[in-house]
């Protein structure tokens, strides 16, 4: 199982505001070009089901996940119910940081294809981190990736309008 983590510092936004923007998954396709679609279905208080389609290399990854929201702890936990991953789970958490907050994203995934794990997993981890970085920095006027310079540079290029490597027709 592969794990990946990304932290984004958001300036001058309270943690509760950041949490509410992040949990609005339906907006993600307008924020990150690799997110083809997200359809959200309310399940009950504090829980949703969401259907995702994300461009990945020469195709589209699809999955349905359950999303559990813990507003008191400013935490979201998700778990794939069905889809292209053998396993996909993770969390979002928002914590105070000075006059702003830190948004932490962590995920574990497995495509279930051991012979291709050495090729697919690193690419998927990079794409996931870059996509999360683009989404979060697009949600806030003053936000930047911390602790991962290659992803920070990629997110900055995306903000400047450079094409994403994993969209159909984009250079690898």
N, C-alpha and C. Protein backbone atom coordinates (compact mmCIF):
# COMPACT_ATOMS: atom_id res chain seq x y z
N UNK A 1 0.85 -1.18 0.00
CA UNK A 1 0.00 0.00 0.00
C UNK A 1 0.89 1.23 0.00
N UNK A 2 0.60 2.16 -0.85
CA UNK A 2 1.36 3.40 -0.97
C UNK A 2 0.67 4.49 -0.15
N UNK A 3 1.45 5.32 0.54
CA UNK A 3 0.86 6.45 1.26
C UNK A 3 1.47 7.74 0.74
N UNK A 4 0.70 8.80 0.85
CA UNK A 4 1.15 10.11 0.43
C UNK A 4 0.52 11.15 1.34
N UNK A 5 1.20 12.29 1.48
CA UNK A 5 0.75 13.34 2.40
C UNK A 5 1.12 14.68 1.80
N UNK A 6 0.28 15.69 2.04
CA UNK A 6 0.56 17.05 1.58
C UNK A 6 0.00 18.03 2.59
N UNK A 7 0.76 19.11 2.85
CA UNK A 7 0.32 20.19 3.73
C UNK A 7 0.32 21.49 2.95
N UNK A 8 -0.76 22.24 3.12
CA UNK A 8 -0.88 23.57 2.51
C UNK A 8 -1.15 24.57 3.62
N UNK A 9 -0.36 25.63 3.65
CA UNK A 9 -0.57 26.71 4.62
C UNK A 9 -1.51 27.73 3.96
N UNK A 10 -2.57 28.07 4.68
CA UNK A 10 -3.55 29.04 4.21
C UNK A 10 -3.44 30.26 5.12
N UNK A 11 -3.15 31.40 4.53
CA UNK A 11 -2.95 32.63 5.30
C UNK A 11 -4.28 33.37 5.49
N UNK A 12 -4.48 33.94 6.66
CA UNK A 12 -5.58 34.85 6.96
C UNK A 12 -6.97 34.23 6.73
N UNK A 13 -7.09 32.93 6.94
CA UNK A 13 -8.40 32.25 6.86
C UNK A 13 -8.52 31.38 8.10
N UNK A 14 -9.65 31.50 8.79
CA UNK A 14 -9.82 30.70 10.01
C UNK A 14 -10.03 29.23 9.63
N UNK A 15 -9.64 28.32 10.51
CA UNK A 15 -9.75 26.89 10.22
C UNK A 15 -11.16 26.44 9.84
N UNK A 16 -12.18 26.97 10.49
CA UNK A 16 -13.54 26.56 10.19
C UNK A 16 -13.94 26.94 8.76
N UNK A 17 -13.58 28.12 8.33
CA UNK A 17 -13.86 28.55 6.96
C UNK A 17 -13.13 27.66 5.96
N UNK A 18 -11.88 27.37 6.24
CA UNK A 18 -11.10 26.50 5.35
C UNK A 18 -11.75 25.11 5.26
N UNK A 19 -12.14 24.56 6.39
CA UNK A 19 -12.77 23.24 6.43
C UNK A 19 -14.02 23.21 5.53
N UNK A 20 -14.86 24.22 5.65
CA UNK A 20 -16.11 24.24 4.87
C UNK A 20 -15.84 24.39 3.37
N UNK A 21 -14.82 25.11 3.00
CA UNK A 21 -14.49 25.20 1.57
C UNK A 21 -13.94 23.87 1.05
N UNK A 22 -13.10 23.24 1.83
CA UNK A 22 -12.48 21.98 1.41
C UNK A 22 -13.53 20.88 1.24
N UNK A 23 -14.52 20.83 2.09
CA UNK A 23 -15.50 19.74 2.03
C UNK A 23 -16.49 19.89 0.87
N UNK A 24 -16.40 20.99 0.13
CA UNK A 24 -17.28 21.22 -1.03
C UNK A 24 -16.68 20.55 -2.26
N UNK A 25 -16.67 19.21 -2.28
CA UNK A 25 -16.05 18.45 -3.36
C UNK A 25 -16.64 18.75 -4.73
N UNK A 26 -17.90 19.12 -4.80
CA UNK A 26 -18.54 19.37 -6.09
C UNK A 26 -17.85 20.50 -6.86
N UNK A 27 -17.13 21.37 -6.18
CA UNK A 27 -16.40 22.47 -6.84
C UNK A 27 -15.07 22.04 -7.44
N UNK A 28 -14.55 20.89 -7.06
CA UNK A 28 -13.20 20.51 -7.46
C UNK A 28 -12.98 20.48 -8.97
N UNK A 29 -13.95 20.05 -9.80
CA UNK A 29 -13.69 20.06 -11.25
C UNK A 29 -13.41 21.45 -11.81
N UNK A 30 -13.97 22.49 -11.23
CA UNK A 30 -13.69 23.84 -11.71
C UNK A 30 -12.34 24.36 -11.21
N UNK A 31 -11.76 23.70 -10.22
CA UNK A 31 -10.51 24.15 -9.63
C UNK A 31 -9.28 23.43 -10.17
N UNK A 32 -9.44 22.16 -10.56
CA UNK A 32 -8.30 21.36 -11.02
C UNK A 32 -8.69 20.64 -12.30
N UNK A 33 -8.00 20.88 -13.39
CA UNK A 33 -8.39 20.28 -14.67
C UNK A 33 -8.32 18.76 -14.71
N UNK A 34 -7.53 18.13 -13.83
CA UNK A 34 -7.49 16.66 -13.85
C UNK A 34 -8.72 16.04 -13.21
N UNK A 35 -9.48 16.82 -12.45
CA UNK A 35 -10.71 16.31 -11.86
C UNK A 35 -11.82 16.50 -12.89
N UNK A 36 -12.20 15.42 -13.52
CA UNK A 36 -13.20 15.47 -14.59
C UNK A 36 -14.60 15.73 -14.03
N UNK A 37 -14.96 15.00 -12.94
CA UNK A 37 -16.27 15.22 -12.34
C UNK A 37 -16.29 14.67 -10.91
N UNK A 38 -17.14 15.29 -10.10
CA UNK A 38 -17.43 14.81 -8.76
C UNK A 38 -18.94 15.01 -8.55
N UNK A 39 -19.62 13.93 -8.24
CA UNK A 39 -21.05 13.99 -7.95
C UNK A 39 -21.23 13.61 -6.48
N UNK A 40 -21.86 14.49 -5.72
CA UNK A 40 -22.01 14.30 -4.29
C UNK A 40 -23.45 13.90 -3.97
N UNK A 41 -23.60 12.89 -3.13
CA UNK A 41 -24.90 12.39 -2.69
C UNK A 41 -24.92 12.43 -1.16
N UNK A 42 -25.90 13.13 -0.59
CA UNK A 42 -26.01 13.16 0.86
C UNK A 42 -26.52 11.80 1.35
N UNK A 43 -25.90 11.29 2.39
CA UNK A 43 -26.29 10.01 2.96
C UNK A 43 -27.02 10.25 4.28
N UNK A 44 -26.50 11.13 5.07
CA UNK A 44 -27.07 11.44 6.38
C UNK A 44 -26.24 12.54 7.00
N UNK A 45 -26.60 12.93 8.18
CA UNK A 45 -25.86 13.99 8.84
C UNK A 45 -24.40 13.57 9.04
N UNK A 46 -23.50 14.39 8.56
CA UNK A 46 -22.07 14.12 8.72
C UNK A 46 -21.50 13.11 7.75
N UNK A 47 -22.29 12.69 6.76
CA UNK A 47 -21.79 11.69 5.82
C UNK A 47 -22.34 11.94 4.42
N UNK A 48 -21.47 11.75 3.44
CA UNK A 48 -21.85 11.84 2.03
C UNK A 48 -21.24 10.65 1.30
N UNK A 49 -21.75 10.43 0.12
CA UNK A 49 -21.12 9.51 -0.83
C UNK A 49 -20.78 10.36 -2.03
N UNK A 50 -19.60 10.16 -2.61
CA UNK A 50 -19.21 10.96 -3.77
C UNK A 50 -18.63 10.05 -4.85
N UNK A 51 -19.02 10.35 -6.09
CA UNK A 51 -18.53 9.63 -7.27
C UNK A 51 -17.51 10.52 -7.96
N UNK A 52 -16.33 9.98 -8.23
CA UNK A 52 -15.21 10.73 -8.78
C UNK A 52 -14.77 10.17 -10.13
N UNK A 53 -14.38 11.08 -11.03
CA UNK A 53 -13.70 10.73 -12.27
C UNK A 53 -12.52 11.68 -12.39
N UNK A 54 -11.32 11.11 -12.50
CA UNK A 54 -10.09 11.89 -12.54
C UNK A 54 -9.23 11.39 -13.70
N UNK A 55 -8.75 12.33 -14.52
CA UNK A 55 -7.84 11.96 -15.60
C UNK A 55 -6.54 11.42 -15.00
N UNK A 56 -6.08 10.29 -15.52
CA UNK A 56 -4.82 9.72 -15.05
C UNK A 56 -4.11 9.08 -16.23
N UNK A 57 -2.98 9.60 -16.59
CA UNK A 57 -2.19 9.17 -17.74
C UNK A 57 -3.05 9.11 -18.99
N UNK A 58 -3.30 7.95 -19.55
CA UNK A 58 -4.07 7.85 -20.80
C UNK A 58 -5.51 7.41 -20.58
N UNK A 59 -6.02 7.62 -19.40
CA UNK A 59 -7.38 7.17 -19.13
C UNK A 59 -8.02 7.96 -18.01
N UNK A 60 -9.07 7.37 -17.47
CA UNK A 60 -9.82 8.02 -16.39
C UNK A 60 -9.95 7.03 -15.24
N UNK A 61 -9.58 7.49 -14.04
CA UNK A 61 -9.82 6.72 -12.82
C UNK A 61 -11.21 7.06 -12.32
N UNK A 62 -11.95 6.03 -11.93
CA UNK A 62 -13.29 6.23 -11.39
C UNK A 62 -13.41 5.51 -10.05
N UNK A 63 -14.10 6.15 -9.11
CA UNK A 63 -14.37 5.49 -7.84
C UNK A 63 -15.52 6.18 -7.13
N UNK A 64 -16.11 5.46 -6.20
CA UNK A 64 -17.14 5.99 -5.31
C UNK A 64 -16.59 5.86 -3.90
N UNK A 65 -16.71 6.94 -3.13
CA UNK A 65 -16.19 6.92 -1.77
C UNK A 65 -17.26 7.37 -0.79
N UNK A 66 -17.08 6.97 0.45
CA UNK A 66 -17.88 7.50 1.53
C UNK A 66 -17.03 8.55 2.23
N UNK A 67 -17.65 9.67 2.56
CA UNK A 67 -16.96 10.80 3.19
C UNK A 67 -17.64 11.09 4.51
N UNK A 68 -16.86 11.03 5.58
CA UNK A 68 -17.40 11.30 6.92
C UNK A 68 -16.80 12.60 7.44
N UNK A 69 -17.69 13.50 7.84
CA UNK A 69 -17.30 14.84 8.25
C UNK A 69 -17.41 15.00 9.75
N UNK A 70 -16.31 15.43 10.37
CA UNK A 70 -16.26 15.68 11.80
C UNK A 70 -15.96 17.17 11.98
N UNK A 71 -17.02 17.96 11.99
CA UNK A 71 -16.84 19.42 12.05
C UNK A 71 -16.18 19.86 13.34
N UNK A 72 -16.47 19.19 14.45
CA UNK A 72 -15.88 19.58 15.74
C UNK A 72 -14.35 19.46 15.70
N UNK A 73 -13.85 18.44 15.00
CA UNK A 73 -12.40 18.23 14.91
C UNK A 73 -11.82 18.78 13.61
N UNK A 74 -12.67 19.36 12.74
CA UNK A 74 -12.26 19.88 11.43
C UNK A 74 -11.51 18.80 10.65
N UNK A 75 -12.18 17.64 10.57
CA UNK A 75 -11.55 16.47 9.95
C UNK A 75 -12.54 15.78 9.02
N UNK A 76 -12.03 15.29 7.93
CA UNK A 76 -12.81 14.52 6.97
C UNK A 76 -12.08 13.21 6.75
N UNK A 77 -12.80 12.10 6.81
CA UNK A 77 -12.23 10.79 6.51
C UNK A 77 -12.97 10.23 5.31
N UNK A 78 -12.22 9.67 4.36
CA UNK A 78 -12.86 9.07 3.19
C UNK A 78 -12.34 7.66 2.97
N UNK A 79 -13.19 6.86 2.32
CA UNK A 79 -12.84 5.47 2.03
C UNK A 79 -13.56 5.06 0.76
N UNK A 80 -12.80 4.51 -0.17
CA UNK A 80 -13.41 4.04 -1.41
C UNK A 80 -14.36 2.88 -1.12
N UNK A 81 -15.54 2.94 -1.73
CA UNK A 81 -16.51 1.85 -1.63
C UNK A 81 -16.37 0.90 -2.81
N UNK A 82 -16.14 1.48 -3.99
CA UNK A 82 -15.93 0.69 -5.20
C UNK A 82 -15.20 1.58 -6.21
N UNK A 83 -14.49 0.93 -7.12
CA UNK A 83 -13.80 1.70 -8.14
C UNK A 83 -12.50 1.09 -8.59
N UNK A 84 -11.68 1.91 -9.23
CA UNK A 84 -10.47 1.45 -9.88
C UNK A 84 -9.32 1.13 -8.95
N UNK A 85 -9.34 1.61 -7.74
CA UNK A 85 -8.32 1.24 -6.77
C UNK A 85 -8.74 -0.07 -6.10
N UNK A 86 -7.77 -0.86 -5.70
CA UNK A 86 -8.09 -2.00 -4.84
C UNK A 86 -8.45 -1.46 -3.46
N UNK A 87 -7.71 -0.43 -3.03
CA UNK A 87 -7.98 0.26 -1.76
C UNK A 87 -7.62 1.73 -1.91
N UNK A 88 -8.42 2.60 -1.28
CA UNK A 88 -8.15 4.03 -1.29
C UNK A 88 -8.84 4.64 -0.07
N UNK A 89 -8.04 5.14 0.88
CA UNK A 89 -8.56 5.76 2.09
C UNK A 89 -7.74 7.00 2.39
N UNK A 90 -8.30 7.88 3.21
CA UNK A 90 -7.52 9.05 3.59
C UNK A 90 -8.27 9.99 4.50
N UNK A 91 -7.57 11.09 4.81
CA UNK A 91 -8.13 12.12 5.69
C UNK A 91 -7.71 13.50 5.23
N UNK A 92 -8.54 14.44 5.58
CA UNK A 92 -8.24 15.86 5.52
C UNK A 92 -8.32 16.36 6.96
N UNK A 93 -7.43 17.24 7.35
CA UNK A 93 -7.57 17.87 8.66
C UNK A 93 -7.10 19.31 8.55
N UNK A 94 -7.75 20.17 9.31
CA UNK A 94 -7.42 21.59 9.31
C UNK A 94 -7.09 21.97 10.74
N UNK A 95 -5.94 22.63 10.92
CA UNK A 95 -5.50 23.05 12.25
C UNK A 95 -5.09 24.52 12.22
N UNK A 96 -5.27 25.22 13.34
CA UNK A 96 -4.86 26.63 13.40
C UNK A 96 -3.35 26.76 13.20
N UNK A 97 -2.95 27.87 12.58
CA UNK A 97 -1.54 28.17 12.38
C UNK A 97 -1.39 29.69 12.31
N UNK A 98 -1.06 30.30 13.43
CA UNK A 98 -0.95 31.75 13.47
C UNK A 98 -2.28 32.39 13.11
N UNK A 99 -2.25 33.29 12.11
CA UNK A 99 -3.47 33.98 11.68
C UNK A 99 -4.20 33.21 10.58
N UNK A 100 -3.75 32.01 10.29
CA UNK A 100 -4.37 31.19 9.26
C UNK A 100 -4.52 29.77 9.74
N UNK A 101 -4.24 28.84 8.84
CA UNK A 101 -4.38 27.43 9.21
C UNK A 101 -3.53 26.56 8.29
N UNK A 102 -3.37 25.32 8.71
CA UNK A 102 -2.72 24.30 7.91
C UNK A 102 -3.77 23.30 7.46
N UNK A 103 -3.74 22.97 6.19
CA UNK A 103 -4.62 21.94 5.64
C UNK A 103 -3.74 20.74 5.34
N UNK A 104 -4.02 19.63 6.00
CA UNK A 104 -3.25 18.41 5.80
C UNK A 104 -4.12 17.38 5.09
N UNK A 105 -3.56 16.79 4.05
CA UNK A 105 -4.21 15.73 3.30
C UNK A 105 -3.31 14.51 3.38
N UNK A 106 -3.87 13.35 3.71
CA UNK A 106 -3.11 12.11 3.75
C UNK A 106 -3.96 11.02 3.12
N UNK A 107 -3.32 10.15 2.34
CA UNK A 107 -4.06 9.06 1.70
C UNK A 107 -3.18 7.83 1.59
N UNK A 108 -3.84 6.69 1.55
CA UNK A 108 -3.20 5.41 1.26
C UNK A 108 -3.97 4.78 0.13
N UNK A 109 -3.24 4.19 -0.82
CA UNK A 109 -3.92 3.59 -1.96
C UNK A 109 -3.14 2.39 -2.46
N UNK A 110 -3.87 1.54 -3.16
CA UNK A 110 -3.28 0.36 -3.77
C UNK A 110 -4.12 0.06 -5.01
N UNK A 111 -3.46 -0.06 -6.15
CA UNK A 111 -4.16 -0.39 -7.39
C UNK A 111 -4.45 -1.88 -7.50
N UNK A 112 -3.80 -2.68 -6.66
CA UNK A 112 -4.03 -4.11 -6.69
C UNK A 112 -3.35 -4.82 -7.86
N UNK A 113 -2.32 -4.19 -8.42
CA UNK A 113 -1.57 -4.78 -9.53
C UNK A 113 -0.09 -4.78 -9.12
N UNK A 114 0.33 -5.78 -8.36
CA UNK A 114 1.70 -5.78 -7.82
C UNK A 114 2.78 -5.62 -8.89
N UNK A 115 2.59 -6.21 -10.06
CA UNK A 115 3.62 -6.13 -11.10
C UNK A 115 3.81 -4.73 -11.65
N UNK A 116 2.81 -3.85 -11.48
CA UNK A 116 2.91 -2.47 -11.99
C UNK A 116 3.05 -1.44 -10.87
N UNK A 117 3.08 -1.89 -9.62
CA UNK A 117 3.12 -0.96 -8.49
C UNK A 117 4.32 -0.03 -8.55
N UNK A 118 5.46 -0.53 -8.98
CA UNK A 118 6.67 0.29 -9.05
C UNK A 118 6.56 1.40 -10.07
N UNK A 119 5.70 1.24 -11.05
CA UNK A 119 5.50 2.26 -12.09
C UNK A 119 4.31 3.15 -11.76
N UNK A 120 3.17 2.53 -11.46
CA UNK A 120 1.93 3.29 -11.25
C UNK A 120 1.91 4.07 -9.94
N UNK A 121 2.35 3.46 -8.85
CA UNK A 121 2.21 4.09 -7.54
C UNK A 121 2.93 5.43 -7.42
N UNK A 122 4.18 5.55 -7.85
CA UNK A 122 4.84 6.86 -7.73
C UNK A 122 4.15 7.94 -8.58
N UNK A 123 3.70 7.57 -9.76
CA UNK A 123 3.01 8.53 -10.63
C UNK A 123 1.69 8.94 -9.98
N UNK A 124 0.94 7.97 -9.47
CA UNK A 124 -0.34 8.28 -8.83
C UNK A 124 -0.13 9.15 -7.59
N UNK A 125 0.89 8.88 -6.80
CA UNK A 125 1.17 9.70 -5.62
C UNK A 125 1.47 11.14 -6.02
N UNK A 126 2.28 11.32 -7.06
CA UNK A 126 2.61 12.67 -7.53
C UNK A 126 1.37 13.39 -8.03
N UNK A 127 0.58 12.72 -8.86
CA UNK A 127 -0.62 13.34 -9.42
C UNK A 127 -1.60 13.70 -8.31
N UNK A 128 -1.76 12.81 -7.34
CA UNK A 128 -2.67 13.08 -6.23
C UNK A 128 -2.22 14.31 -5.44
N UNK A 129 -0.94 14.37 -5.10
CA UNK A 129 -0.43 15.52 -4.34
C UNK A 129 -0.55 16.82 -5.14
N UNK A 130 -0.20 16.77 -6.42
CA UNK A 130 -0.30 17.98 -7.25
C UNK A 130 -1.75 18.43 -7.38
N UNK A 131 -2.65 17.48 -7.57
CA UNK A 131 -4.07 17.83 -7.71
C UNK A 131 -4.61 18.44 -6.43
N UNK A 132 -4.29 17.84 -5.29
CA UNK A 132 -4.73 18.39 -4.01
C UNK A 132 -4.13 19.78 -3.81
N UNK A 133 -2.86 19.95 -4.15
CA UNK A 133 -2.23 21.26 -4.03
C UNK A 133 -2.92 22.31 -4.89
N UNK A 134 -3.25 21.96 -6.11
CA UNK A 134 -3.95 22.90 -7.01
C UNK A 134 -5.33 23.23 -6.45
N UNK A 135 -6.06 22.22 -6.00
CA UNK A 135 -7.41 22.46 -5.46
C UNK A 135 -7.33 23.42 -4.27
N UNK A 136 -6.51 23.11 -3.30
CA UNK A 136 -6.48 23.90 -2.06
C UNK A 136 -5.97 25.32 -2.34
N UNK A 137 -4.93 25.46 -3.15
CA UNK A 137 -4.44 26.82 -3.42
C UNK A 137 -5.42 27.61 -4.28
N UNK A 138 -6.27 26.93 -5.04
CA UNK A 138 -7.30 27.62 -5.82
C UNK A 138 -8.46 28.07 -4.94
N UNK A 139 -8.68 27.40 -3.83
CA UNK A 139 -9.78 27.75 -2.93
C UNK A 139 -9.50 29.02 -2.12
N UNK A 140 -8.22 29.38 -2.00
CA UNK A 140 -7.84 30.48 -1.12
C UNK A 140 -6.89 31.44 -1.82
N UNK A 141 -7.07 32.72 -1.57
CA UNK A 141 -6.24 33.73 -2.22
C UNK A 141 -4.78 33.61 -1.83
N UNK A 142 -4.52 33.31 -0.56
CA UNK A 142 -3.14 33.21 -0.08
C UNK A 142 -2.91 31.84 0.54
N UNK A 143 -2.44 30.92 -0.29
CA UNK A 143 -2.17 29.56 0.17
C UNK A 143 -0.98 29.01 -0.59
N UNK A 144 -0.18 28.20 0.08
CA UNK A 144 0.98 27.61 -0.58
C UNK A 144 1.35 26.27 0.06
N UNK A 145 1.86 25.38 -0.78
CA UNK A 145 2.31 24.06 -0.34
C UNK A 145 3.56 24.25 0.52
N UNK A 146 3.62 23.51 1.64
CA UNK A 146 4.80 23.58 2.50
C UNK A 146 5.41 22.18 2.63
N UNK A 147 6.74 22.14 2.69
CA UNK A 147 7.45 20.90 2.95
C UNK A 147 7.64 19.98 1.76
N UNK A 148 7.27 20.41 0.56
CA UNK A 148 7.43 19.57 -0.62
C UNK A 148 7.69 20.49 -1.82
N UNK A 149 8.96 20.85 -2.00
CA UNK A 149 9.32 21.82 -3.04
C UNK A 149 8.93 21.40 -4.45
N UNK A 150 9.12 20.13 -4.86
CA UNK A 150 8.70 19.76 -6.23
C UNK A 150 7.19 19.95 -6.46
N UNK A 151 6.38 19.58 -5.49
CA UNK A 151 4.93 19.78 -5.63
C UNK A 151 4.60 21.26 -5.60
N UNK A 152 5.26 22.03 -4.74
CA UNK A 152 5.03 23.48 -4.68
C UNK A 152 5.32 24.12 -6.03
N UNK A 153 6.41 23.71 -6.69
CA UNK A 153 6.74 24.27 -8.01
C UNK A 153 5.69 23.87 -9.05
N UNK A 154 5.25 22.62 -9.01
CA UNK A 154 4.24 22.15 -9.96
C UNK A 154 2.92 22.90 -9.77
N UNK A 155 2.53 23.12 -8.53
CA UNK A 155 1.30 23.84 -8.23
C UNK A 155 1.43 25.30 -8.70
N UNK A 156 2.59 25.90 -8.51
CA UNK A 156 2.81 27.28 -8.97
C UNK A 156 2.73 27.35 -10.50
N UNK A 157 3.29 26.34 -11.20
CA UNK A 157 3.19 26.31 -12.67
C UNK A 157 1.73 26.20 -13.09
N UNK A 158 0.97 25.38 -12.40
CA UNK A 158 -0.45 25.22 -12.73
C UNK A 158 -1.20 26.53 -12.53
N UNK A 159 -0.86 27.25 -11.45
CA UNK A 159 -1.50 28.54 -11.19
C UNK A 159 -1.17 29.55 -12.28
N UNK A 160 0.00 29.38 -12.89
CA UNK A 160 0.42 30.29 -13.97
C UNK A 160 -0.16 29.88 -15.32
N UNK A 161 -0.93 28.77 -15.33
CA UNK A 161 -1.59 28.36 -16.56
C UNK A 161 -0.88 27.31 -17.38
N UNK A 162 0.17 26.69 -16.84
CA UNK A 162 0.86 25.62 -17.57
C UNK A 162 -0.05 24.40 -17.64
N UNK A 163 -0.04 23.65 -18.76
CA UNK A 163 -0.90 22.47 -18.85
C UNK A 163 -0.46 21.38 -17.89
N UNK A 164 -1.42 20.62 -17.41
CA UNK A 164 -1.12 19.52 -16.50
C UNK A 164 -0.65 18.32 -17.31
N UNK A 165 0.40 17.65 -16.84
CA UNK A 165 1.00 16.52 -17.56
C UNK A 165 0.04 15.37 -17.78
N UNK A 166 -0.93 15.20 -16.92
CA UNK A 166 -1.75 14.00 -16.98
C UNK A 166 -3.10 14.21 -17.67
N UNK A 167 -3.31 15.37 -18.26
CA UNK A 167 -4.51 15.55 -19.05
C UNK A 167 -4.30 15.01 -20.44
N UNK A 168 -5.34 14.47 -21.09
CA UNK A 168 -5.18 13.97 -22.44
C UNK A 168 -4.60 15.06 -23.35
N UNK A 169 -3.60 14.70 -24.12
CA UNK A 169 -2.98 15.65 -25.03
C UNK A 169 -1.89 16.52 -24.43
N UNK A 170 -1.69 16.44 -23.11
CA UNK A 170 -0.63 17.24 -22.46
C UNK A 170 0.68 16.47 -22.53
N UNK A 171 1.77 17.23 -22.57
CA UNK A 171 3.11 16.61 -22.62
C UNK A 171 3.41 15.95 -21.28
N UNK A 172 4.07 14.81 -21.34
CA UNK A 172 4.42 14.12 -20.09
C UNK A 172 5.72 14.65 -19.53
